[in-house]
Amino acid sequence: MQELLQEQQTFEKLDYSEKKLNGREFIDCTFKHCNFANADLSRNEFTDCRFEDCNLSMAKFANAKLNNVRFQNCKLIGVSFASCNDFLFEVNFQNCTLDLTDFYKKKLKKTTFQDCSIKEANFAEADLTEARFQHCDLHQTTFDRTNLEKADFTTAYNYSFDPEINRIKKAKFSINGLPGLLEKYGIVIK
């Protein structure tokens, strides 16, 4: 990956763990079985890219552009998406581990999180309008002054947040999720 611009390339089994890869642009590229753990991916641009079966745990994305990036079967533990460039930021996740990730103040409208572990993540002040959390574990994940309008939590579980400090108009929940919305009141639900 020496060239600054890569288009329609597939990268397999690369090991960039704890290395720097900055100032490059990737368009319609696929990364398969790559290790980017603790890598510095700051100031890169990823457009219409896919990461499949990759380890990106603790990777740094400071001022990186992620436009229509799909993560499938990836580990993204401890990643701060809050530091990504906001311009055209669009990501989707399927069967990923997103524990301890930070989405502080990110615009995540219509983002899909499918079959993901999102434990102890931070969505404070994020915009999750129409986001879908399909079969996701949200244990101890923070929602604080978060826009959750029209978000779908019907198959999500282990979430708990205060409806009074989050915007939840027309959000969807299952009957099993109600204890997580009422937890602050100390109500016993049987």
Foldseek 3Di string as FASTA:
>chain_A
DPDQEAECEEAEAAEQDLEEDANHEYELYEYECYEHHNYEHEHYEYANYEYELYENDNYEHAQYHAANYEYENYEHEQYEPCRYDQVNHEYEYELYEQENYECDQHEHEQHEHANYEHEQYECENYEHHQYEDHQYEHANYDYFLYECDQYECQNYDNAADECVGYHHHNYHYHPVCVCRHCVVVVDDDD
